[in-house]
Amino acid sequence: MTFRGAILLRVETKAVSQAQDLRASDASFAILSPGLTTGLLMVSGLGILLLSVIAVRLVTETDLNGYISTMLLHGGLYLLAAIVVLHSKPILLAKPTSQGLFWLVIGFAIVMRLIAMTAPANLTTDAYRYVWDGRLLMEGINPYLFVPADPQLSHLRDDAIFPNINKRDIAHTIYPPMAQVLFAAGVWISDSLAGQKAVMFASELVIIACLAAWLSSSGLPRAMVLLYAWHPLPIWEFSSQAHLDAGVAAFMAAAILAVTLRRQGLAGALLAGGVLIKYYPLILIPALWRRWDWRMPVCFFAVIFLAYLPFVQGAGLSVFGFLGSHLGNEGYRDGWGFHIIWFLRDFGLVPMDDPDVTTSVTLAYLAVALTVLAGLALVAFFNRKRDEFQPEMMALIGAAFVFFTSPHYPWYAAFLVMFLVRVPHPALFAMTLFAVVLQLPRPPGGPTWTHVYALAYWLPLLMFLGQAVFVRWRRRLR
């Protein structure tokens, strides 16, 4: 045998050995049989449906404590189903088993949402403003020109929607142009909350379809879309309570799919569509942009410009509505809205009654937060091959953004759920499943912000750090 032949034989032998090890690891990983996999998913799905019926009654009665307890139980059954899916990848890839389990997941996901949609919008008043803005646009009225209580709009008032609009006497709409299009579509379907729920339900179908296609293009079983489709947060905050974040997530999911298909221009346009509903899809750009490819930024800014053009004429800066006041109301100006500063205040480490100290602490916090987020963005943009796509960095940037902005409402974290289909990290599960506790009433009827934030933000962070230390330790042992 020649020297070259010996080298080739050694390489082939090593490749065969690695393939055998991979098959062996897959076999050990697939600890469940197809029948047991299907049975456990059926039990989990039926249990979630039962809890959904109970949750509808609790939401109707505005029983927040009961609702949150039910959502945590829902989360437990969801985790069971998630573990089954993650431990059955080879089974889920086998045909025809893969097809049957995928449609089982989709069927349950749709029924879960249809049940949740029957609950009234008692957890928030946001959807009432959606209906109102949609009415204005359907009437050909620029929604940025008038507050809802303006006498010129009196002919549009009714007893179901108008009395429930938040800040109807003082606030112009805060929602950007694409959000207005979604609201108008909801009013076209039905001039009620039901129309808005229908639009958000349709948005969720788009999300599920895009995630399934993303999984398939990555060589993963489509049934793993369960990690999004059965999660309680999008079911109840999107389809049930009709938060427009469903539309944002739909554009984000479509943009991710476009990047996997190497359609940078389309991805830029889709990201712009998401930003034209809420601003936070901007955080995905460093992870999705193929370095120095001109198509994404050009399409992004072109769509933004064209969408705002019809509304800016006559409205000027009013197109930004009460954004500034909203940031003040949420505590982002004086610092109390950031959970880390709240911790410092609760433990007496920062005298928040001193305006000068408050301003200094808030500015210092913002500087640290922006530095960390900018650092993650630079790593995501430069620390990869030009065509490489890293879902882990995208999920990390999204989770860090939610952590530092520390929103007070669970639906602000709901977009993170779609990353679970590719990045099923324990910390990401924790952050999204425990976000529901942000609905808890404050004293005297419930825990303090400190306890709520500890569960919603600090526990996931500790899980993330613990996982990182464990992985590094295990690698060193190997």
Protein backbone atom coordinates (compact mmCIF):
# COMPACT_ATOMS: atom_id res chain seq x y z
CA MET A 1 0.00 0.00 0.00
CA THR A 2 1.34 3.42 -0.92
CA PHE A 3 1.75 6.22 1.60
CA ARG A 4 -1.11 8.15 -0.03
CA GLY A 5 -3.34 5.06 0.12
CA ALA A 6 -2.57 4.60 3.79
CA ILE A 7 -3.50 8.21 4.51
CA LEU A 8 -6.78 7.89 2.58
CA LEU A 9 -7.64 4.65 4.39
CA ARG A 10 -7.01 6.30 7.73
CA VAL A 11 -9.22 9.27 6.83
CA GLU A 12 -12.03 6.99 5.60
CA THR A 13 -11.78 4.84 8.73
CA LYS A 14 -12.00 7.93 10.93
CA ALA A 15 -15.02 9.23 8.99
CA VAL A 16 -16.80 5.89 9.34
CA SER A 17 -16.02 5.84 13.06
CA GLN A 18 -17.41 9.36 13.50
CA ALA A 19 -20.56 8.44 11.56
CA GLN A 20 -21.07 5.39 13.76
CA ASP A 21 -20.59 7.50 16.89
CA LEU A 22 -23.14 10.01 15.56
CA ARG A 23 -25.69 7.27 14.85
CA ALA A 24 -25.07 5.80 18.27
CA SER A 25 -25.56 9.18 19.94
CA ASP A 26 -28.75 9.72 17.93
CA ALA A 27 -30.02 6.31 19.00
CA SER A 28 -29.31 7.01 22.63
CA PHE A 29 -30.89 10.43 22.30
CA ALA A 30 -34.10 8.97 20.86
CA ILE A 31 -35.11 7.34 24.14
CA LEU A 32 -38.79 7.37 23.16
CA SER A 33 -40.60 5.10 20.74
CA PRO A 34 -42.93 6.62 18.10
CA GLY A 35 -45.99 5.40 20.01
CA LEU A 36 -44.79 6.83 23.32
CA THR A 37 -43.86 10.11 21.64
CA THR A 38 -47.34 10.44 20.15
CA GLY A 39 -49.00 9.44 23.41
CA LEU A 40 -47.08 11.94 25.53
CA LEU A 41 -47.79 14.74 23.05
CA MET A 42 -51.49 13.84 23.07
CA VAL A 43 -51.61 13.90 26.88
CA SER A 44 -49.79 17.24 27.00
CA GLY A 45 -51.97 18.74 24.28
CA LEU A 46 -55.24 17.64 25.86
CA GLY A 47 -54.06 18.91 29.24
CA ILE A 48 -53.26 22.31 27.73
CA LEU A 49 -56.70 22.44 26.09
CA LEU A 50 -58.33 21.80 29.47
CA LEU A 51 -56.24 24.51 31.11
CA SER A 52 -57.15 26.87 28.25
CA VAL A 53 -60.86 26.41 28.97
CA ILE A 54 -60.19 27.15 32.66
CA ALA A 55 -58.08 30.20 31.75
CA VAL A 56 -60.92 31.63 29.64
CA ARG A 57 -63.19 31.63 32.68
CA LEU A 58 -60.48 33.17 34.88
CA VAL A 59 -59.80 35.95 32.36
CA THR A 60 -63.53 36.59 32.06
CA GLU A 61 -63.68 37.02 35.85
CA THR A 62 -60.44 39.06 35.82
CA ASP A 63 -58.91 36.64 38.32
CA LEU A 64 -55.25 37.49 37.69
CA ASN A 65 -53.82 35.22 40.36
CA GLY A 66 -55.82 32.25 39.09
CA TYR A 67 -54.94 33.04 35.49
CA ILE A 68 -51.20 33.25 36.22
CA SER A 69 -51.29 29.99 38.18
CA THR A 70 -53.04 28.34 35.23
CA MET A 71 -50.46 29.72 32.82
CA LEU A 72 -47.64 28.29 34.94
CA LEU A 73 -49.37 24.89 34.84
CA HIS A 74 -49.73 25.31 31.08
CA GLY A 75 -46.01 26.02 31.01
CA GLY A 76 -45.33 22.76 32.86
CA LEU A 77 -47.26 20.69 30.32
CA TYR A 78 -45.61 22.63 27.52
CA LEU A 79 -42.18 21.76 28.95
CA LEU A 80 -43.14 18.09 28.99
CA ALA A 81 -44.07 18.28 25.31
CA ALA A 82 -40.89 20.25 24.54
CA ILE A 83 -38.72 17.61 26.23
CA VAL A 84 -40.48 14.88 24.25
CA VAL A 85 -39.81 16.72 20.98
CA LEU A 86 -36.18 17.49 21.80
CA HIS A 87 -35.53 13.86 22.78
CA SER A 88 -37.20 12.40 19.70
CA LYS A 89 -35.51 14.15 16.77
CA PRO A 90 -34.70 10.94 14.84
CA ILE A 91 -38.31 9.79 15.26
CA LEU A 92 -39.64 13.17 14.13
CA LEU A 93 -37.50 12.98 10.99
CA ALA A 94 -38.77 9.54 10.02
CA LYS A 95 -41.56 9.42 7.44
CA PRO A 96 -44.52 9.03 7.68
CA THR A 97 -44.19 9.60 11.43
CA SER A 98 -42.83 13.11 10.85
CA GLN A 99 -45.89 14.18 8.83
CA GLY A 100 -48.37 12.82 11.34
CA LEU A 101 -46.71 14.39 14.38
CA PHE A 102 -46.27 17.72 12.60
CA TRP A 103 -49.98 17.97 11.82
CA LEU A 104 -50.80 16.80 15.35
CA VAL A 105 -48.76 19.72 16.67
CA ILE A 106 -50.42 22.17 14.26
CA GLY A 107 -53.93 20.92 15.00
CA PHE A 108 -53.52 21.32 18.74
CA ALA A 109 -51.89 24.73 18.29
CA ILE A 110 -54.87 26.03 16.28
CA VAL A 111 -57.46 24.69 18.74
CA MET A 112 -55.53 26.18 21.68
CA ARG A 113 -55.70 29.59 20.03
CA LEU A 114 -59.35 29.30 19.06
CA ILE A 115 -60.24 28.56 22.69
CA ALA A 116 -58.07 31.43 23.96
CA MET A 117 -59.69 33.84 21.49
CA THR A 118 -63.04 33.39 23.25
CA ALA A 119 -61.67 35.14 26.36
CA PRO A 120 -62.44 38.87 26.66
CA ALA A 121 -59.57 41.37 26.46
CA ASN A 122 -59.57 41.88 30.23
CA LEU A 123 -55.80 41.75 30.69
CA THR A 124 -55.13 44.95 28.74
CA THR A 125 -56.89 47.83 27.00
CA ASP A 126 -54.46 48.09 24.06
CA ALA A 127 -56.76 46.42 21.54
CA TYR A 128 -59.42 49.12 21.99
CA ARG A 129 -56.98 51.69 20.64
CA TYR A 130 -56.26 49.33 17.73
CA VAL A 131 -59.93 49.27 16.77
CA TRP A 132 -60.18 53.05 17.03
CA ASP A 133 -57.11 53.68 14.85
CA GLY A 134 -58.39 51.15 12.34
CA ARG A 135 -61.70 52.99 12.14
CA LEU A 136 -59.94 56.25 11.40
CA LEU A 137 -57.86 54.76 8.62
CA MET A 138 -60.90 53.04 7.10
CA GLU A 139 -62.62 56.45 7.12
CA GLY A 140 -59.63 58.02 5.35
CA ILE A 141 -58.64 60.03 8.45
CA ASN A 142 -54.98 60.42 9.41
CA PRO A 143 -54.83 58.79 12.89
CA TYR A 144 -51.87 60.97 13.93
CA LEU A 145 -53.87 64.21 13.69
CA PHE A 146 -56.51 63.72 16.41
CA VAL A 147 -56.84 62.38 19.91
CA PRO A 148 -59.84 60.02 20.22
CA ALA A 149 -61.81 62.55 22.29
CA ASP A 150 -61.58 65.23 19.59
CA PRO A 151 -65.11 66.56 18.89
CA GLN A 152 -64.55 66.14 15.14
CA LEU A 153 -64.53 62.37 15.66
CA SER A 154 -67.69 62.17 17.76
CA HIS A 155 -69.55 60.34 14.98
CA LEU A 156 -67.17 57.37 15.37
CA ARG A 157 -67.76 56.89 19.09
CA ASP A 158 -69.66 53.93 20.49
CA ASP A 159 -70.29 52.32 23.86
CA ALA A 160 -68.11 49.24 23.26
CA ILE A 161 -64.78 50.68 22.12
CA PHE A 162 -64.47 54.41 22.82
CA PRO A 163 -64.94 54.37 26.65
CA ASN A 164 -62.15 51.78 27.01
CA ILE A 165 -59.47 53.63 25.03
CA ASN A 166 -56.49 54.45 27.23
CA LYS A 167 -55.60 58.17 27.41
CA ARG A 168 -58.30 59.01 24.90
CA ASP A 169 -58.41 62.66 26.03
CA ILE A 170 -54.71 63.49 25.74
CA ALA A 171 -52.79 60.99 23.60
CA HIS A 172 -52.38 60.75 19.86
CA THR A 173 -51.72 57.24 18.65
CA ILE A 174 -48.22 55.90 19.22
CA TYR A 175 -48.40 53.15 16.60
CA PRO A 176 -46.41 53.40 13.32
CA PRO A 177 -47.85 53.05 9.79
CA MET A 178 -47.71 49.27 9.34
CA ALA A 179 -49.48 48.85 12.66
CA GLN A 180 -52.21 51.13 11.33
CA VAL A 181 -52.58 48.88 8.29
CA LEU A 182 -53.02 45.85 10.56
CA PHE A 183 -55.62 47.71 12.62
CA ALA A 184 -57.53 48.70 9.49
CA ALA A 185 -57.45 45.07 8.31
CA GLY A 186 -58.97 44.05 11.64
CA VAL A 187 -61.74 46.62 11.33
CA TRP A 188 -62.39 45.45 7.77
CA ILE A 189 -62.92 41.93 9.13
CA SER A 190 -65.03 43.13 12.08
CA ASP A 191 -65.39 46.55 13.69
CA SER A 192 -64.70 45.05 17.11
CA LEU A 193 -62.03 43.34 19.17
CA ALA A 194 -62.81 40.13 17.28
CA GLY A 195 -61.39 41.65 14.11
CA GLN A 196 -58.10 42.50 15.82
CA LYS A 197 -57.90 39.00 17.29
CA ALA A 198 -58.41 37.55 13.82
CA VAL A 199 -55.49 39.59 12.44
CA MET A 200 -53.18 38.51 15.26
CA PHE A 201 -54.28 34.90 14.85
CA ALA A 202 -53.44 35.12 11.14
CA SER A 203 -50.06 36.64 12.08
CA GLU A 204 -49.40 33.64 14.30
CA LEU A 205 -50.16 31.29 11.44
CA VAL A 206 -47.55 33.15 9.40
CA ILE A 207 -45.05 32.79 12.26
CA ILE A 208 -45.67 29.05 12.56
CA ALA A 209 -45.37 28.55 8.79
CA CYS A 210 -42.10 30.50 8.62
CA LEU A 211 -40.63 28.66 11.61
CA ALA A 212 -41.59 25.28 10.11
CA ALA A 213 -39.90 26.25 6.83
CA TRP A 214 -36.83 27.48 8.74
CA LEU A 215 -36.58 24.16 10.59
CA SER A 216 -37.00 22.17 7.39
CA SER A 217 -34.31 24.18 5.58
CA SER A 218 -31.96 23.50 8.51
CA GLY A 219 -32.52 19.73 8.34
CA LEU A 220 -34.53 19.68 11.57
CA PRO A 221 -37.98 18.10 12.07
CA ARG A 222 -40.85 20.51 11.43
CA ALA A 223 -42.64 19.15 14.49
CA MET A 224 -40.13 21.14 16.58
CA VAL A 225 -42.32 24.14 15.77
CA LEU A 226 -44.19 22.94 18.88
CA LEU A 227 -41.60 24.89 20.89
CA TYR A 228 -43.33 28.02 19.64
CA ALA A 229 -46.83 26.82 18.80
CA TRP A 230 -47.72 25.37 22.24
CA HIS A 231 -45.99 28.02 24.35
CA PRO A 232 -48.54 29.84 26.55
CA LEU A 233 -47.10 33.34 26.04
CA PRO A 234 -47.91 33.87 22.33
CA ILE A 235 -51.19 31.96 22.59
CA TRP A 236 -52.56 34.27 25.27
CA GLU A 237 -50.84 37.55 24.50
CA PHE A 238 -51.17 37.36 20.71
CA SER A 239 -54.26 35.43 19.68
CA SER A 240 -56.26 35.96 22.89
CA GLN A 241 -55.42 39.53 23.96
CA ALA A 242 -54.64 40.68 20.38
CA HIS A 243 -51.33 42.42 21.05
CA LEU A 244 -49.86 43.76 17.82
CA ASP A 245 -46.50 42.20 18.76
CA ALA A 246 -47.86 39.20 16.84
CA GLY A 247 -47.51 41.24 13.67
CA VAL A 248 -43.97 42.25 14.64
CA ALA A 249 -42.99 38.63 15.27
CA ALA A 250 -44.53 37.59 11.94
CA PHE A 251 -42.34 40.05 10.03
CA MET A 252 -39.30 38.97 12.06
CA ALA A 253 -39.92 35.28 11.37
CA ALA A 254 -40.40 35.99 7.67
CA ALA A 255 -37.17 38.04 7.60
CA ILE A 256 -35.25 35.17 9.24
CA LEU A 257 -36.60 32.76 6.64
CA ALA A 258 -35.65 35.19 3.85
CA VAL A 259 -32.07 35.32 5.14
CA THR A 260 -31.85 31.52 5.17
CA LEU A 261 -32.97 31.62 1.52
CA ARG A 262 -30.26 34.27 0.82
CA ARG A 263 -32.80 36.98 -0.02
CA GLN A 264 -31.18 40.00 1.63
CA GLY A 265 -33.35 42.59 -0.07
CA LEU A 266 -36.55 40.84 0.93
CA ALA A 267 -35.22 40.42 4.46
CA GLY A 268 -34.53 44.16 4.67
CA ALA A 269 -38.06 45.00 3.51
CA LEU A 270 -39.57 42.54 6.02
CA LEU A 271 -37.49 43.91 8.89
CA ALA A 272 -38.72 47.37 7.95
CA GLY A 273 -42.28 46.06 8.11
CA GLY A 274 -41.64 44.88 11.66
CA VAL A 275 -40.03 48.19 12.67
CA LEU A 276 -43.07 49.98 11.25
CA ILE A 277 -45.12 48.18 13.91
CA LYS A 278 -42.65 48.36 16.83
CA TYR A 279 -39.01 49.38 16.82
CA TYR A 280 -37.30 46.33 18.32
CA PRO A 281 -36.74 44.26 15.11
CA LEU A 282 -33.78 46.62 14.67
CA ILE A 283 -31.85 44.45 17.10
CA LEU A 284 -31.82 41.56 14.60
CA ILE A 285 -30.02 43.47 11.85
CA PRO A 286 -26.43 42.72 13.04
CA ALA A 287 -27.20 38.98 13.08
CA LEU A 288 -29.10 38.91 9.78
CA TRP A 289 -27.21 41.35 7.57
CA ARG A 290 -24.75 39.74 5.17
CA ARG A 291 -21.80 42.06 5.72
CA TRP A 292 -21.73 45.04 3.37
CA ASP A 293 -24.50 43.65 1.17
CA TRP A 294 -26.23 46.84 -0.02
CA ARG A 295 -29.63 45.23 -0.63
CA MET A 296 -30.76 44.92 2.99
CA PRO A 297 -30.15 48.56 4.09
CA VAL A 298 -31.46 50.03 0.83
CA CYS A 299 -34.70 48.04 0.94
CA PHE A 300 -35.05 48.68 4.67
CA PHE A 301 -34.86 52.47 4.44
CA ALA A 302 -36.90 52.61 1.23
CA VAL A 303 -39.82 50.78 2.86
CA ILE A 304 -39.60 52.99 5.99
CA PHE A 305 -39.63 56.16 3.86
CA LEU A 306 -42.51 55.07 1.63
CA ALA A 307 -44.63 53.92 4.57
CA TYR A 308 -44.32 57.18 6.50
CA LEU A 309 -44.71 59.46 3.48
CA PRO A 310 -48.54 59.45 3.31
CA PHE A 311 -48.87 60.12 7.05
CA VAL A 312 -46.17 62.78 7.52
CA GLN A 313 -47.92 65.15 5.14
CA GLY A 314 -50.05 67.31 7.38
CA ALA A 315 -49.09 65.51 10.60
CA GLY A 316 -45.37 66.32 10.83
CA LEU A 317 -43.76 65.05 14.03
CA SER A 318 -47.20 64.03 15.31
CA VAL A 319 -46.57 60.70 13.57
CA PHE A 320 -44.60 59.73 16.69
CA GLY A 321 -47.70 60.24 18.84
CA PHE A 322 -47.21 60.14 22.60
CA LEU A 323 -43.96 58.14 22.44
CA GLY A 324 -42.10 60.59 24.66
CA SER A 325 -44.84 60.63 27.28
CA HIS A 326 -45.11 56.85 27.10
CA LEU A 327 -41.41 56.42 27.91
CA GLY A 328 -41.90 58.70 30.91
CA ASN A 329 -44.98 56.79 32.09
CA GLU A 330 -43.06 53.50 31.91
CA GLY A 331 -40.26 54.88 34.08
CA TYR A 332 -37.52 54.98 31.46
CA ARG A 333 -36.80 58.65 32.06
CA ASP A 334 -36.46 58.66 35.84
CA GLY A 335 -34.99 55.16 36.06
CA TRP A 336 -37.59 53.27 38.05
CA GLY A 337 -38.64 51.33 34.96
CA PHE A 338 -35.33 49.45 34.77
CA HIS A 339 -35.36 46.43 37.06
CA ILE A 340 -31.71 46.70 38.10
CA ILE A 341 -32.23 50.26 39.30
CA TRP A 342 -35.40 49.12 41.06
CA PHE A 343 -33.37 46.51 42.91
CA LEU A 344 -30.84 49.12 43.98
CA ARG A 345 -33.63 51.34 45.25
CA ASP A 346 -35.46 48.53 47.07
CA PHE A 347 -32.31 47.56 48.94
CA GLY A 348 -31.48 51.15 49.85
CA LEU A 349 -28.37 51.32 47.69
CA VAL A 350 -29.63 54.27 45.65
CA PRO A 351 -31.61 57.19 47.18
CA MET A 352 -34.20 57.46 44.42
CA ASP A 353 -35.88 60.45 46.06
CA ASP A 354 -32.91 62.63 45.01
CA PRO A 355 -33.47 63.72 41.38
CA ASP A 356 -29.77 64.36 40.75
CA VAL A 357 -28.78 60.92 41.97
CA THR A 358 -31.60 59.33 39.99
CA THR A 359 -30.47 61.01 36.79
CA SER A 360 -26.85 60.00 37.32
CA VAL A 361 -27.72 56.38 38.08
CA THR A 362 -30.06 56.17 35.09
CA LEU A 363 -27.44 57.59 32.72
CA ALA A 364 -24.82 55.21 34.08
CA TYR A 365 -27.19 52.28 33.64
CA LEU A 366 -28.03 53.29 30.08
CA ALA A 367 -24.33 53.61 29.26
CA VAL A 368 -23.63 50.08 30.53
CA ALA A 369 -26.69 48.61 28.81
CA LEU A 370 -25.90 50.25 25.46
CA THR A 371 -22.25 49.17 25.71
CA VAL A 372 -23.21 45.54 26.28
CA LEU A 373 -25.82 45.53 23.51
CA ALA A 374 -23.45 47.27 21.09
CA GLY A 375 -20.75 44.74 21.96
CA LEU A 376 -23.08 41.83 21.24
CA ALA A 377 -24.14 43.46 17.97
CA LEU A 378 -20.50 43.88 16.87
CA VAL A 379 -19.71 40.26 17.74
CA ALA A 380 -22.77 39.07 15.81
CA PHE A 381 -21.80 41.18 12.80
CA PHE A 382 -18.05 40.60 12.61
CA ASN A 383 -17.33 37.33 14.41
CA ARG A 384 -18.69 35.08 11.67
CA LYS A 385 -18.20 34.26 8.05
CA ARG A 386 -19.87 36.66 5.65
CA ASP A 387 -22.64 34.21 4.73
CA GLU A 388 -22.89 32.52 8.11
CA PHE A 389 -26.13 32.74 10.08
CA GLN A 390 -25.96 32.27 13.85
CA PRO A 391 -29.34 31.74 15.53
CA GLU A 392 -27.63 31.60 18.94
CA MET A 393 -26.33 35.17 18.64
CA MET A 394 -29.73 36.37 17.44
CA ALA A 395 -31.41 34.82 20.48
CA LEU A 396 -28.74 36.17 22.82
CA ILE A 397 -29.13 39.73 21.52
CA GLY A 398 -32.93 39.49 21.82
CA ALA A 399 -32.78 38.15 25.38
CA ALA A 400 -30.19 40.76 26.41
CA PHE A 401 -32.38 43.50 24.95
CA VAL A 402 -35.39 42.33 26.96
CA PHE A 403 -33.26 41.97 30.09
CA PHE A 404 -31.84 45.50 29.93
CA THR A 405 -35.06 47.24 28.87
CA SER A 406 -36.90 45.15 31.52
CA PRO A 407 -40.44 45.67 30.21
CA HIS A 408 -43.30 45.54 32.72
CA TYR A 409 -45.58 43.55 30.43
CA PRO A 410 -45.23 39.89 29.42
CA TRP A 411 -46.06 40.40 25.74
CA TYR A 412 -42.85 42.40 25.23
CA ALA A 413 -40.93 39.13 25.69
CA ALA A 414 -43.19 37.04 23.45
CA PHE A 415 -41.07 37.52 20.30
CA LEU A 416 -38.28 35.55 22.02
CA VAL A 417 -40.39 32.39 21.92
CA MET A 418 -39.78 31.83 18.20
CA PHE A 419 -36.02 31.54 18.81
CA LEU A 420 -36.64 28.45 20.94
CA VAL A 421 -37.16 26.30 17.84
CA ARG A 422 -33.44 26.67 17.06
CA VAL A 423 -32.03 27.70 20.45
CA PRO A 424 -33.83 25.65 23.12
CA HIS A 425 -31.74 27.08 25.96
CA PRO A 426 -33.04 26.64 29.56
CA ALA A 427 -32.63 30.36 30.25
CA LEU A 428 -34.75 31.25 27.22
CA PHE A 429 -37.44 28.83 28.35
CA ALA A 430 -37.38 30.42 31.82
CA MET A 431 -37.49 34.03 30.61
CA THR A 432 -40.48 33.41 28.35
CA LEU A 433 -42.44 31.09 30.66
CA PHE A 434 -42.00 33.25 33.78
CA ALA A 435 -42.79 36.49 31.90
CA VAL A 436 -46.45 35.92 32.82
CA VAL A 437 -45.72 36.92 36.45
CA LEU A 438 -45.37 40.51 35.21
CA GLN A 439 -49.18 40.50 35.19
CA LEU A 440 -49.29 40.04 38.98
CA PRO A 441 -50.97 42.84 40.94
CA ARG A 442 -48.65 44.99 43.04
CA PRO A 443 -49.01 45.40 46.82
CA PRO A 444 -51.23 45.09 48.74
CA GLY A 445 -52.64 42.44 46.40
CA GLY A 446 -49.41 40.77 45.34
CA PRO A 447 -45.61 40.60 45.48
CA THR A 448 -43.28 43.56 45.05
CA TRP A 449 -41.55 44.44 41.81
CA THR A 450 -38.37 43.03 43.33
CA HIS A 451 -39.85 39.54 43.67
CA VAL A 452 -41.47 39.67 40.23
CA TYR A 453 -38.28 40.83 38.53
CA ALA A 454 -36.26 38.16 40.35
CA LEU A 455 -38.41 35.48 38.74
CA ALA A 456 -38.79 37.09 35.32
CA TYR A 457 -35.22 38.35 34.78
CA TRP A 458 -32.68 37.34 37.40
CA LEU A 459 -33.50 33.61 37.45
CA PRO A 460 -33.09 33.28 33.66
CA LEU A 461 -29.80 35.18 33.86
CA LEU A 462 -28.47 32.85 36.56
CA MET A 463 -29.57 29.85 34.48
CA PHE A 464 -27.74 31.26 31.45
CA LEU A 465 -24.54 31.85 33.42
CA GLY A 466 -24.80 28.45 35.11
CA GLN A 467 -25.23 26.71 31.76
CA ALA A 468 -22.22 28.56 30.33
CA VAL A 469 -20.02 27.58 33.28
CA PHE A 470 -21.20 23.96 33.09
CA VAL A 471 -20.49 23.68 29.35
CA ARG A 472 -17.01 25.17 29.78
CA TRP A 473 -16.26 22.82 32.70
CA ARG A 474 -17.45 19.78 30.74
CA ARG A 475 -15.30 20.73 27.75
CA ARG A 476 -12.24 21.04 29.96
CA LEU A 477 -12.89 17.57 31.41
CA ARG A 478 -13.10 16.13 27.91
